[in-house]
Amino acid sequence: MTGAPWVAIAGCAILWAICYPLGFERNLILDVLLTGLSIMLEFWALVALRVREPELGRPFRVPGGMAGVIAIGLPPLGLMIAAVVRNHQEIIGSTNEMMIGAGIVAAGAALTS
């Protein structure tokens, strides 16, 4: 065994296969939103670790202390907000792409827990 999280990989593959009929542009928008969300989770984890584990050894430093850590997460947050505003009106059948993306995120959380 390789130790790869095969259940999460299989679940992700199944969900992307379900989204295949939506077409390239809509799948691209979903991918951008989901990738952006994962990047935002990384920035939130960075802030949380700085708060919860201030003495933890780190291989790198972010200039500006906590304000610098928060500041580097603001541009990606702005891009995510712009993407959400831009794609809020994208309709697929009787729902919008945001609801599909939220469903994929919820399924991923359920498969990993």
PDB file of N, CA and C in Angstrom:
ATOM      1  N   MET A   1       0.829  -1.194   0.000  1.00  0.00           N
ATOM      2  CA  MET A   1       0.000   0.000   0.000  1.00  0.00           C
ATOM      3  C   MET A   1       0.867   1.248   0.000  1.00  0.00           C
ATOM      4  N   THR A   2       0.398   2.271  -0.675  1.00  0.00           N
ATOM      5  CA  THR A   2       1.152   3.516  -0.758  1.00  0.00           C
ATOM      6  C   THR A   2       0.796   4.497   0.353  1.00  0.00           C
ATOM      7  N   GLY A   3      -0.310   4.274   1.021  1.00  0.00           N
ATOM      8  CA  GLY A   3      -0.743   5.198   2.059  1.00  0.00           C
ATOM      9  C   GLY A   3      -1.554   6.364   1.507  1.00  0.00           C
ATOM     10  N   ALA A   4      -1.830   6.344   0.206  1.00  0.00           N
ATOM     11  CA  ALA A   4      -2.630   7.412  -0.407  1.00  0.00           C
ATOM     12  C   ALA A   4      -4.065   7.331   0.115  1.00  0.00           C
ATOM     13  N   PRO A   5      -4.706   8.468   0.305  1.00  0.00           N
ATOM     14  CA  PRO A   5      -6.097   8.468   0.793  1.00  0.00           C
ATOM     15  C   PRO A   5      -7.049   8.067  -0.335  1.00  0.00           C
ATOM     16  N   TRP A   6      -7.125   6.773  -0.622  1.00  0.00           N
ATOM     17  CA  TRP A   6      -7.827   6.283  -1.795  1.00  0.00           C
ATOM     18  C   TRP A   6      -9.319   6.583  -1.764  1.00  0.00           C
ATOM     19  N   VAL A   7      -9.926   6.632  -0.597  1.00  0.00           N
ATOM     20  CA  VAL A   7     -11.357   6.937  -0.519  1.00  0.00           C
ATOM     21  C   VAL A   7     -11.599   8.374  -0.972  1.00  0.00           C
ATOM     22  N   ALA A   8     -10.765   9.304  -0.512  1.00  0.00           N
ATOM     23  CA  ALA A   8     -10.904  10.705  -0.917  1.00  0.00           C
ATOM     24  C   ALA A   8     -10.621  10.866  -2.404  1.00  0.00           C
ATOM     25  N   ILE A   9      -9.618  10.160  -2.915  1.00  0.00           N
ATOM     26  CA  ILE A   9      -9.284  10.248  -4.337  1.00  0.00           C
ATOM     27  C   ILE A   9     -10.432   9.695  -5.186  1.00  0.00           C
ATOM     28  N   ALA A  10     -10.961   8.563  -4.790  1.00  0.00           N
ATOM     29  CA  ALA A  10     -12.074   7.964  -5.535  1.00  0.00           C
ATOM     30  C   ALA A  10     -13.317   8.850  -5.466  1.00  0.00           C
ATOM     31  N   GLY A  11     -13.597   9.389  -4.287  1.00  0.00           N
ATOM     32  CA  GLY A  11     -14.747  10.284  -4.146  1.00  0.00           C
ATOM     33  C   GLY A  11     -14.619  11.524  -5.000  1.00  0.00           C
ATOM     34  N   CYS A  12     -13.425  12.104  -5.015  1.00  0.00           N
ATOM     35  CA  CYS A  12     -13.175  13.288  -5.837  1.00  0.00           C
ATOM     36  C   CYS A  12     -13.357  12.955  -7.315  1.00  0.00           C
ATOM     37  N   ALA A  13     -12.829  11.825  -7.738  1.00  0.00           N
ATOM     38  CA  ALA A  13     -12.953  11.414  -9.142  1.00  0.00           C
ATOM     39  C   ALA A  13     -14.420  11.209  -9.529  1.00  0.00           C
ATOM     40  N   ILE A  14     -15.184  10.590  -8.643  1.00  0.00           N
ATOM     41  CA  ILE A  14     -16.610  10.360  -8.924  1.00  0.00           C
ATOM     42  C   ILE A  14     -17.355  11.685  -9.041  1.00  0.00           C
ATOM     43  N   LEU A  15     -17.081  12.617  -8.109  1.00  0.00           N
ATOM     44  CA  LEU A  15     -17.774  13.906  -8.155  1.00  0.00           C
ATOM     45  C   LEU A  15     -17.399  14.707  -9.395  1.00  0.00           C
ATOM     46  N   TRP A  16     -16.128  14.687  -9.806  1.00  0.00           N
ATOM     47  CA  TRP A  16     -15.743  15.393 -11.034  1.00  0.00           C
ATOM     48  C   TRP A  16     -16.353  14.712 -12.247  1.00  0.00           C
ATOM     49  N   ALA A  17     -16.489  13.393 -12.225  1.00  0.00           N
ATOM     50  CA  ALA A  17     -17.131  12.685 -13.337  1.00  0.00           C
ATOM     51  C   ALA A  17     -18.603  13.085 -13.444  1.00  0.00           C
ATOM     52  N   ILE A  18     -19.252  13.268 -12.297  1.00  0.00           N
ATOM     53  CA  ILE A  18     -20.640  13.715 -12.304  1.00  0.00           C
ATOM     54  C   ILE A  18     -20.750  15.117 -12.908  1.00  0.00           C
ATOM     55  N   CYS A  19     -19.744  15.952 -12.667  1.00  0.00           N
ATOM     56  CA  CYS A  19     -19.752  17.327 -13.189  1.00  0.00           C
ATOM     57  C   CYS A  19     -19.349  17.413 -14.658  1.00  0.00           C
ATOM     58  N   TYR A  20     -18.851  16.325 -15.227  1.00  0.00           N
ATOM     59  CA  TYR A  20     -18.367  16.333 -16.606  1.00  0.00           C
ATOM     60  C   TYR A  20     -19.396  16.879 -17.601  1.00  0.00           C
ATOM     61  N   PRO A  21     -20.666  16.510 -17.527  1.00  0.00           N
ATOM     62  CA  PRO A  21     -21.634  17.014 -18.515  1.00  0.00           C
ATOM     63  C   PRO A  21     -21.877  18.526 -18.443  1.00  0.00           C
ATOM     64  N   LEU A  22     -21.406  19.186 -17.407  1.00  0.00           N
ATOM     65  CA  LEU A  22     -21.628  20.630 -17.290  1.00  0.00           C
ATOM     66  C   LEU A  22     -20.849  21.428 -18.329  1.00  0.00           C
ATOM     67  N   GLY A  23     -19.824  20.852 -18.900  1.00  0.00           N
ATOM     68  CA  GLY A  23     -19.029  21.546 -19.904  1.00  0.00           C
ATOM     69  C   GLY A  23     -17.756  22.126 -19.309  1.00  0.00           C
ATOM     70  N   PHE A  24     -16.854  22.487 -20.218  1.00  0.00           N
ATOM     71  CA  PHE A  24     -15.528  22.938 -19.809  1.00  0.00           C
ATOM     72  C   PHE A  24     -15.576  24.218 -18.977  1.00  0.00           C
ATOM     73  N   GLU A  25     -16.296  25.240 -19.430  1.00  0.00           N
ATOM     74  CA  GLU A  25     -16.296  26.531 -18.740  1.00  0.00           C
ATOM     75  C   GLU A  25     -16.845  26.411 -17.323  1.00  0.00           C
ATOM     76  N   ARG A  26     -17.941  25.699 -17.161  1.00  0.00           N
ATOM     77  CA  ARG A  26     -18.526  25.558 -15.820  1.00  0.00           C
ATOM     78  C   ARG A  26     -17.638  24.709 -14.914  1.00  0.00           C
ATOM     79  N   ASN A  27     -17.024  23.668 -15.468  1.00  0.00           N
ATOM     80  CA  ASN A  27     -16.081  22.870 -14.665  1.00  0.00           C
ATOM     81  C   ASN A  27     -14.870  23.701 -14.273  1.00  0.00           C
ATOM     82  N   LEU A  28     -14.428  24.563 -15.168  1.00  0.00           N
ATOM     83  CA  LEU A  28     -13.303  25.442 -14.860  1.00  0.00           C
ATOM     84  C   LEU A  28     -13.661  26.391 -13.721  1.00  0.00           C
ATOM     85  N   ILE A  29     -14.854  26.956 -13.759  1.00  0.00           N
ATOM     86  CA  ILE A  29     -15.300  27.857 -12.692  1.00  0.00           C
ATOM     87  C   ILE A  29     -15.368  27.104 -11.362  1.00  0.00           C
ATOM     88  N   LEU A  30     -15.928  25.902 -11.379  1.00  0.00           N
ATOM     89  CA  LEU A  30     -15.974  25.100 -10.158  1.00  0.00           C
ATOM     90  C   LEU A  30     -14.576  24.813  -9.634  1.00  0.00           C
ATOM     91  N   ASP A  31     -13.664  24.487 -10.537  1.00  0.00           N
ATOM     92  CA  ASP A  31     -12.291  24.192 -10.130  1.00  0.00           C
ATOM     93  C   ASP A  31     -11.630  25.411  -9.502  1.00  0.00           C
ATOM     94  N   VAL A  32     -11.827  26.570 -10.102  1.00  0.00           N
ATOM     95  CA  VAL A  32     -11.243  27.804  -9.559  1.00  0.00           C
ATOM     96  C   VAL A  32     -11.799  28.079  -8.164  1.00  0.00           C
ATOM     97  N   LEU A  33     -13.095  27.933  -7.993  1.00  0.00           N
ATOM     98  CA  LEU A  33     -13.699  28.182  -6.684  1.00  0.00           C
ATOM     99  C   LEU A  33     -13.217  27.177  -5.638  1.00  0.00           C
ATOM    100  N   LEU A  34     -13.139  25.912  -5.996  1.00  0.00           N
ATOM    101  CA  LEU A  34     -12.699  24.900  -5.031  1.00  0.00           C
ATOM    102  C   LEU A  34     -11.214  25.029  -4.712  1.00  0.00           C
ATOM    103  N   THR A  35     -10.401  25.331  -5.734  1.00  0.00           N
ATOM    104  CA  THR A  35      -8.973  25.534  -5.487  1.00  0.00           C
ATOM    105  C   THR A  35      -8.758  26.770  -4.623  1.00  0.00           C
ATOM    106  N   GLY A  36      -9.503  27.833  -4.919  1.00  0.00           N
ATOM    107  CA  GLY A  36      -9.407  29.046  -4.104  1.00  0.00           C
ATOM    108  C   GLY A  36      -9.796  28.785  -2.662  1.00  0.00           C
ATOM    109  N   LEU A  37     -10.820  27.975  -2.464  1.00  0.00           N
ATOM    110  CA  LEU A  37     -11.232  27.644  -1.101  1.00  0.00           C
ATOM    111  C   LEU A  37     -10.136  26.869  -0.379  1.00  0.00           C
ATOM    112  N   SER A  38      -9.490  25.945  -1.076  1.00  0.00           N
ATOM    113  CA  SER A  38      -8.419  25.185  -0.417  1.00  0.00           C
ATOM    114  C   SER A  38      -7.240  26.085  -0.071  1.00  0.00           C
ATOM    115  N   ILE A  39      -6.954  27.052  -0.923  1.00  0.00           N
ATOM    116  CA  ILE A  39      -5.881  28.011  -0.625  1.00  0.00           C
ATOM    117  C   ILE A  39      -6.260  28.871   0.580  1.00  0.00           C
ATOM    118  N   MET A  40      -7.515  29.287   0.643  1.00  0.00           N
ATOM    119  CA  MET A  40      -7.958  30.072   1.792  1.00  0.00           C
ATOM    120  C   MET A  40      -7.856  29.257   3.081  1.00  0.00           C
ATOM    121  N   LEU A  41      -8.143  27.968   3.015  1.00  0.00           N
ATOM    122  CA  LEU A  41      -7.994  27.114   4.197  1.00  0.00           C
ATOM    123  C   LEU A  41      -6.544  27.085   4.674  1.00  0.00           C
ATOM    124  N   GLU A  42      -5.605  27.100   3.733  1.00  0.00           N
ATOM    125  CA  GLU A  42      -4.192  27.130   4.109  1.00  0.00           C
ATOM    126  C   GLU A  42      -3.853  28.427   4.846  1.00  0.00           C
ATOM    127  N   PHE A  43      -4.354  29.547   4.369  1.00  0.00           N
ATOM    128  CA  PHE A  43      -4.091  30.818   5.041  1.00  0.00           C
ATOM    129  C   PHE A  43      -4.761  30.861   6.407  1.00  0.00           C
ATOM    130  N   TRP A  44      -5.978  30.327   6.511  1.00  0.00           N
ATOM    131  CA  TRP A  44      -6.648  30.288   7.810  1.00  0.00           C
ATOM    132  C   TRP A  44      -5.884  29.400   8.780  1.00  0.00           C
ATOM    133  N   ALA A  45      -5.353  28.290   8.280  1.00  0.00           N
ATOM    134  CA  ALA A  45      -4.551  27.405   9.133  1.00  0.00           C
ATOM    135  C   ALA A  45      -3.279  28.111   9.597  1.00  0.00           C
ATOM    136  N   LEU A  46      -2.676  28.909   8.725  1.00  0.00           N
ATOM    137  CA  LEU A  46      -1.480  29.666   9.102  1.00  0.00           C
ATOM    138  C   LEU A  46      -1.796  30.616  10.256  1.00  0.00           C
ATOM    139  N   VAL A  47      -2.887  31.342  10.156  1.00  0.00           N
ATOM    140  CA  VAL A  47      -3.282  32.265  11.223  1.00  0.00           C
ATOM    141  C   VAL A  47      -3.598  31.472  12.498  1.00  0.00           C
ATOM    142  N   ALA A  48      -4.340  30.366  12.361  1.00  0.00           N
ATOM    143  CA  ALA A  48      -4.711  29.573  13.537  1.00  0.00           C
ATOM    144  C   ALA A  48      -3.477  29.017  14.240  1.00  0.00           C
ATOM    145  N   LEU A  49      -2.496  28.550  13.477  1.00  0.00           N
ATOM    146  CA  LEU A  49      -1.280  28.031  14.105  1.00  0.00           C
ATOM    147  C   LEU A  49      -0.496  29.136  14.801  1.00  0.00           C
ATOM    148  N   ARG A  50      -0.482  30.320  14.218  1.00  0.00           N
ATOM    149  CA  ARG A  50       0.222  31.428  14.869  1.00  0.00           C
ATOM    150  C   ARG A  50      -0.446  31.809  16.182  1.00  0.00           C
ATOM    151  N   VAL A  51      -1.761  31.647  16.253  1.00  0.00           N
ATOM    152  CA  VAL A  51      -2.486  31.974  17.484  1.00  0.00           C
ATOM    153  C   VAL A  51      -2.347  30.840  18.505  1.00  0.00           C
ATOM    154  N   ARG A  52      -2.560  29.599  18.074  1.00  0.00           N
ATOM    155  CA  ARG A  52      -2.575  28.462  18.998  1.00  0.00           C
ATOM    156  C   ARG A  52      -1.194  27.972  19.387  1.00  0.00           C
ATOM    157  N   GLU A  53      -0.232  28.059  18.498  1.00  0.00           N
ATOM    158  CA  GLU A  53       1.117  27.540  18.735  1.00  0.00           C
ATOM    159  C   GLU A  53       2.168  28.610  18.448  1.00  0.00           C
ATOM    160  N   PRO A  54       2.189  29.698  19.225  1.00  0.00           N
ATOM    161  CA  PRO A  54       3.111  30.797  18.907  1.00  0.00           C
ATOM    162  C   PRO A  54       4.583  30.428  19.023  1.00  0.00           C
ATOM    163  N   GLU A  55       4.926  29.418  19.797  1.00  0.00           N
ATOM    164  CA  GLU A  55       6.325  29.035  19.988  1.00  0.00           C
ATOM    165  C   GLU A  55       6.760  27.872  19.091  1.00  0.00           C
ATOM    166  N   LEU A  56       5.886  27.446  18.203  1.00  0.00           N
ATOM    167  CA  LEU A  56       6.195  26.332  17.307  1.00  0.00           C
ATOM    168  C   LEU A  56       7.321  26.721  16.351  1.00  0.00           C
ATOM    169  N   GLY A  57       8.288  25.818  16.176  1.00  0.00           N
ATOM    170  CA  GLY A  57       9.384  26.072  15.248  1.00  0.00           C
ATOM    171  C   GLY A  57       8.876  26.183  13.820  1.00  0.00           C
ATOM    172  N   ARG A  58       9.394  27.155  13.075  1.00  0.00           N
ATOM    173  CA  ARG A  58       8.936  27.382  11.705  1.00  0.00           C
ATOM    174  C   ARG A  58      10.132  27.478  10.770  1.00  0.00           C
ATOM    175  N   PRO A  59      10.032  26.865   9.594  1.00  0.00           N
ATOM    176  CA  PRO A  59      11.154  26.943   8.639  1.00  0.00           C
ATOM    177  C   PRO A  59      11.228  28.286   7.925  1.00  0.00           C
ATOM    178  N   PHE A  60      10.210  29.132   8.071  1.00  0.00           N
ATOM    179  CA  PHE A  60      10.215  30.444   7.433  1.00  0.00           C
ATOM    180  C   PHE A  60       9.482  31.437   8.313  1.00  0.00           C
ATOM    181  N   ARG A  61       9.721  32.689   8.072  1.00  0.00           N
ATOM    182  CA  ARG A  61       9.060  33.759   8.819  1.00  0.00           C
ATOM    183  C   ARG A  61       8.294  34.663   7.856  1.00  0.00           C
ATOM    184  N   VAL A  62       7.134  35.118   8.288  1.00  0.00           N
ATOM    185  CA  VAL A  62       6.363  36.096   7.531  1.00  0.00           C
ATOM    186  C   VAL A  62       6.628  37.448   8.174  1.00  0.00           C
ATOM    187  N   PRO A  63       7.164  38.400   7.405  1.00  0.00           N
ATOM    188  CA  PRO A  63       7.439  39.714   7.987  1.00  0.00           C
ATOM    189  C   PRO A  63       6.158  40.394   8.472  1.00  0.00           C
ATOM    190  N   GLY A  64       6.266  41.145   9.533  1.00  0.00           N
ATOM    191  CA  GLY A  64       5.133  41.920  10.027  1.00  0.00           C
ATOM    192  C   GLY A  64       4.340  41.251  11.123  1.00  0.00           C
ATOM    193  N   GLY A  65       4.798  40.110  11.606  1.00  0.00           N
ATOM    194  CA  GLY A  65       4.086  39.436  12.692  1.00  0.00           C
ATOM    195  C   GLY A  65       2.698  38.980  12.274  1.00  0.00           C
ATOM    196  N   MET A  66       1.773  39.036  13.208  1.00  0.00           N
ATOM    197  CA  MET A  66       0.411  38.578  12.936  1.00  0.00           C
ATOM    198  C   MET A  66      -0.260  39.438  11.872  1.00  0.00           C
ATOM    199  N   ALA A  67       0.012  40.740  11.869  1.00  0.00           N
ATOM    200  CA  ALA A  67      -0.576  41.615  10.844  1.00  0.00           C
ATOM    201  C   ALA A  67      -0.093  41.206   9.451  1.00  0.00           C
ATOM    202  N   GLY A  68       1.171  40.822   9.335  1.00  0.00           N
ATOM    203  CA  GLY A  68       1.705  40.364   8.056  1.00  0.00           C
ATOM    204  C   GLY A  68       1.075  39.052   7.618  1.00  0.00           C
ATOM    205  N   VAL A  69       0.876  38.153   8.576  1.00  0.00           N
ATOM    206  CA  VAL A  69       0.244  36.865   8.274  1.00  0.00           C
ATOM    207  C   VAL A  69      -1.177  37.085   7.749  1.00  0.00           C
ATOM    208  N   ILE A  70      -1.911  37.961   8.396  1.00  0.00           N
ATOM    209  CA  ILE A  70      -3.280  38.259   7.949  1.00  0.00           C
ATOM    210  C   ILE A  70      -3.253  38.980   6.605  1.00  0.00           C
ATOM    211  N   ALA A  71      -2.319  39.905   6.428  1.00  0.00           N
ATOM    212  CA  ALA A  71      -2.252  40.697   5.197  1.00  0.00           C
ATOM    213  C   ALA A  71      -1.976  39.837   3.963  1.00  0.00           C
ATOM    214  N   ILE A  72      -1.161  38.784   4.093  1.00  0.00           N
ATOM    215  CA  ILE A  72      -0.887  37.969   2.911  1.00  0.00           C
ATOM    216  C   ILE A  72      -2.090  37.122   2.501  1.00  0.00           C
ATOM    217  N   GLY A  73      -3.056  36.955   3.396  1.00  0.00           N
ATOM    218  CA  GLY A  73      -4.269  36.215   3.053  1.00  0.00           C
ATOM    219  C   GLY A  73      -5.358  37.076   2.451  1.00  0.00           C
ATOM    220  N   LEU A  74      -5.214  38.405   2.522  1.00  0.00           N
ATOM    221  CA  LEU A  74      -6.268  39.285   2.007  1.00  0.00           C
ATOM    222  C   LEU A  74      -6.404  39.285   0.485  1.00  0.00           C
ATOM    223  N   PRO A  75      -5.302  39.323  -0.290  1.00  0.00           N
ATOM    224  CA  PRO A  75      -5.483  39.288  -1.757  1.00  0.00           C
ATOM    225  C   PRO A  75      -6.190  38.019  -2.259  1.00  0.00           C
ATOM    226  N   PRO A  76      -5.816  36.817  -1.780  1.00  0.00           N
ATOM    227  CA  PRO A  76      -6.579  35.641  -2.229  1.00  0.00           C
ATOM    228  C   PRO A  76      -8.041  35.692  -1.792  1.00  0.00           C
ATOM    229  N   LEU A  77      -8.299  36.242  -0.605  1.00  0.00           N
ATOM    230  CA  LEU A  77      -9.681  36.387  -0.156  1.00  0.00           C
ATOM    231  C   LEU A  77     -10.442  37.320  -1.095  1.00  0.00           C
ATOM    232  N   GLY A  78      -9.809  38.414  -1.497  1.00  0.00           N
ATOM    233  CA  GLY A  78     -10.446  39.339  -2.439  1.00  0.00           C
ATOM    234  C   GLY A  78     -10.765  38.674  -3.766  1.00  0.00           C
ATOM    235  N   LEU A  79      -9.845  37.843  -4.251  1.00  0.00           N
ATOM    236  CA  LEU A  79     -10.093  37.131  -5.506  1.00  0.00           C
ATOM    237  C   LEU A  79     -11.240  36.139  -5.359  1.00  0.00           C
ATOM    238  N   MET A  80     -11.318  35.473  -4.225  1.00  0.00           N
ATOM    239  CA  MET A  80     -12.425  34.537  -4.005  1.00  0.00           C
ATOM    240  C   MET A  80     -13.760  35.266  -3.948  1.00  0.00           C
ATOM    241  N   ILE A  81     -13.776  36.400  -3.280  1.00  0.00           N
ATOM    242  CA  ILE A  81     -15.017  37.188  -3.220  1.00  0.00           C
ATOM    243  C   ILE A  81     -15.417  37.635  -4.622  1.00  0.00           C
ATOM    244  N   ALA A  82     -14.448  38.093  -5.415  1.00  0.00           N
ATOM    245  CA  ALA A  82     -14.749  38.510  -6.795  1.00  0.00           C
ATOM    246  C   ALA A  82     -15.280  37.335  -7.610  1.00  0.00           C
ATOM    247  N   ALA A  83     -14.708  36.147  -7.447  1.00  0.00           N
ATOM    248  CA  ALA A  83     -15.172  34.969  -8.181  1.00  0.00           C
ATOM    249  C   ALA A  83     -16.593  34.589  -7.772  1.00  0.00           C
ATOM    250  N   VAL A  84     -16.875  34.676  -6.479  1.00  0.00           N
ATOM    251  CA  VAL A  84     -18.221  34.349  -6.000  1.00  0.00           C
ATOM    252  C   VAL A  84     -19.234  35.349  -6.547  1.00  0.00           C
ATOM    253  N   VAL A  85     -18.914  36.631  -6.493  1.00  0.00           N
ATOM    254  CA  VAL A  85     -19.825  37.659  -7.006  1.00  0.00           C
ATOM    255  C   VAL A  85     -20.040  37.477  -8.505  1.00  0.00           C
ATOM    256  N   ARG A  86     -18.944  37.213  -9.227  1.00  0.00           N
ATOM    257  CA  ARG A  86     -19.019  37.058 -10.683  1.00  0.00           C
ATOM    258  C   ARG A  86     -19.864  35.851 -11.083  1.00  0.00           C
ATOM    259  N   ASN A  87     -19.750  34.757 -10.333  1.00  0.00           N
ATOM    260  CA  ASN A  87     -20.398  33.512 -10.733  1.00  0.00           C
ATOM    261  C   ASN A  87     -21.656  33.191  -9.944  1.00  0.00           C
ATOM    262  N   HIS A  88     -22.108  34.109  -9.144  1.00  0.00           N
ATOM    263  CA  HIS A  88     -23.299  33.867  -8.342  1.00  0.00           C
ATOM    264  C   HIS A  88     -24.530  33.633  -9.220  1.00  0.00           C
ATOM    265  N   GLN A  89     -24.570  34.246 -10.373  1.00  0.00           N
ATOM    266  CA  GLN A  89     -25.740  34.159 -11.252  1.00  0.00           C
ATOM    267  C   GLN A  89     -25.660  33.017 -12.263  1.00  0.00           C
ATOM    268  N   GLU A  90     -24.568  32.249 -12.275  1.00  0.00           N
ATOM    269  CA  GLU A  90     -24.430  31.126 -13.212  1.00  0.00           C
ATOM    270  C   GLU A  90     -25.425  30.035 -12.823  1.00  0.00           C
ATOM    271  N   ILE A  91     -26.383  29.766 -13.703  1.00  0.00           N
ATOM    272  CA  ILE A  91     -27.429  28.799 -13.411  1.00  0.00           C
ATOM    273  C   ILE A  91     -27.154  27.499 -14.168  1.00  0.00           C
ATOM    274  N   ILE A  92     -27.301  26.387 -13.445  1.00  0.00           N
ATOM    275  CA  ILE A  92     -27.199  25.055 -14.041  1.00  0.00           C
ATOM    276  C   ILE A  92     -28.475  24.316 -13.665  1.00  0.00           C
ATOM    277  N   GLY A  93     -29.334  24.142 -14.612  1.00  0.00           N
ATOM    278  CA  GLY A  93     -30.617  23.507 -14.319  1.00  0.00           C
ATOM    279  C   GLY A  93     -31.415  24.383 -13.367  1.00  0.00           C
ATOM    280  N   SER A  94     -31.782  23.828 -12.221  1.00  0.00           N
ATOM    281  CA  SER A  94     -32.582  24.590 -11.258  1.00  0.00           C
ATOM    282  C   SER A  94     -31.738  25.146 -10.115  1.00  0.00           C
ATOM    283  N   THR A  95     -30.415  25.014 -10.194  1.00  0.00           N
ATOM    284  CA  THR A  95     -29.540  25.511  -9.127  1.00  0.00           C
ATOM    285  C   THR A  95     -28.412  26.333  -9.742  1.00  0.00           C
ATOM    286  N   ASN A  96     -27.611  26.953  -8.900  1.00  0.00           N
ATOM    287  CA  ASN A  96     -26.472  27.702  -9.422  1.00  0.00           C
ATOM    288  C   ASN A  96     -25.179  26.971  -9.087  1.00  0.00           C
ATOM    289  N   GLU A  97     -24.092  27.412  -9.699  1.00  0.00           N
ATOM    290  CA  GLU A  97     -22.810  26.734  -9.520  1.00  0.00           C
ATOM    291  C   GLU A  97     -22.319  26.792  -8.083  1.00  0.00           C
ATOM    292  N   MET A  98     -22.687  27.814  -7.363  1.00  0.00           N
ATOM    293  CA  MET A  98     -22.254  27.920  -5.969  1.00  0.00           C
ATOM    294  C   MET A  98     -22.818  26.763  -5.146  1.00  0.00           C
ATOM    295  N   MET A  99     -24.050  26.377  -5.424  1.00  0.00           N
ATOM    296  CA  MET A  99     -24.655  25.266  -4.693  1.00  0.00           C
ATOM    297  C   MET A  99     -23.974  23.948  -5.051  1.00  0.00           C
ATOM    298  N   ILE A 100     -23.601  23.787  -6.305  1.00  0.00           N
ATOM    299  CA  ILE A 100     -22.886  22.576  -6.708  1.00  0.00           C
ATOM    300  C   ILE A 100     -21.526  22.532  -6.023  1.00  0.00           C
ATOM    301  N   GLY A 101     -20.817  23.669  -6.027  1.00  0.00           N
ATOM    302  CA  GLY A 101     -19.518  23.735  -5.347  1.00  0.00           C
ATOM    303  C   GLY A 101     -19.648  23.442  -3.864  1.00  0.00           C
ATOM    304  N   ALA A 102     -20.675  23.988  -3.225  1.00  0.00           N
ATOM    305  CA  ALA A 102     -20.900  23.731  -1.797  1.00  0.00           C
ATOM    306  C   ALA A 102     -21.174  22.249  -1.558  1.00  0.00           C
ATOM    307  N   GLY A 103     -21.901  21.619  -2.472  1.00  0.00           N
ATOM    308  CA  GLY A 103     -22.166  20.186  -2.355  1.00  0.00           C
ATOM    309  C   GLY A 103     -20.897  19.363  -2.463  1.00  0.00           C
ATOM    310  N   ILE A 104     -20.013  19.756  -3.374  1.00  0.00           N
ATOM    311  CA  ILE A 104     -18.734  19.043  -3.534  1.00  0.00           C
ATOM    312  C   ILE A 104     -17.880  19.198  -2.289  1.00  0.00           C
ATOM    313  N   VAL A 105     -17.842  20.414  -1.736  1.00  0.00           N
ATOM    314  CA  VAL A 105     -17.073  20.646  -0.505  1.00  0.00           C
ATOM    315  C   VAL A 105     -17.641  19.804   0.637  1.00  0.00           C
ATOM    316  N   ALA A 106     -18.957  19.775   0.772  1.00  0.00           N
ATOM    317  CA  ALA A 106     -19.581  19.006   1.845  1.00  0.00           C
ATOM    318  C   ALA A 106     -19.304  17.513   1.673  1.00  0.00           C
ATOM    319  N   ALA A 107     -19.355  17.039   0.428  1.00  0.00           N
ATOM    320  CA  ALA A 107     -19.061  15.616   0.178  1.00  0.00           C
ATOM    321  C   ALA A 107     -17.609  15.309   0.531  1.00  0.00           C
ATOM    322  N   GLY A 108     -16.705  16.215   0.196  1.00  0.00           N
ATOM    323  CA  GLY A 108     -15.296  16.005   0.539  1.00  0.00           C
ATOM    324  C   GLY A 108     -15.088  15.960   2.035  1.00  0.00           C
ATOM    325  N   ALA A 109     -15.756  16.836   2.757  1.00  0.00           N
ATOM    326  CA  ALA A 109     -15.643  16.839   4.222  1.00  0.00           C
ATOM    327  C   ALA A 109     -16.211  15.547   4.801  1.00  0.00           C
ATOM    328  N   ALA A 110     -17.305  15.063   4.243  1.00  0.00           N
ATOM    329  CA  ALA A 110     -17.909  13.828   4.742  1.00  0.00           C
ATOM    330  C   ALA A 110     -17.015  12.625   4.462  1.00  0.00           C
ATOM    331  N   LEU A 111     -16.357  12.626   3.299  1.00  0.00           N
ATOM    332  CA  LEU A 111     -15.503  11.485   2.955  1.00  0.00           C
ATOM    333  C   LEU A 111     -14.228  11.455   3.775  1.00  0.00           C
ATOM    334  N   THR A 112     -13.757  12.610   4.246  1.00  0.00           N
ATOM    335  CA  THR A 112     -12.504  12.634   5.000  1.00  0.00           C
ATOM    336  C   THR A 112     -12.701  12.452   6.492  1.00  0.00           C
ATOM    337  N   SER A 113     -13.931  12.541   6.958  1.00  0.00           N
ATOM    338  CA  SER A 113     -14.143  12.388   8.404  1.00  0.00           C
ATOM    339  C   SER A 113     -14.624  11.015   8.761  1.00  0.00           C
TER     340      SER A 113
END
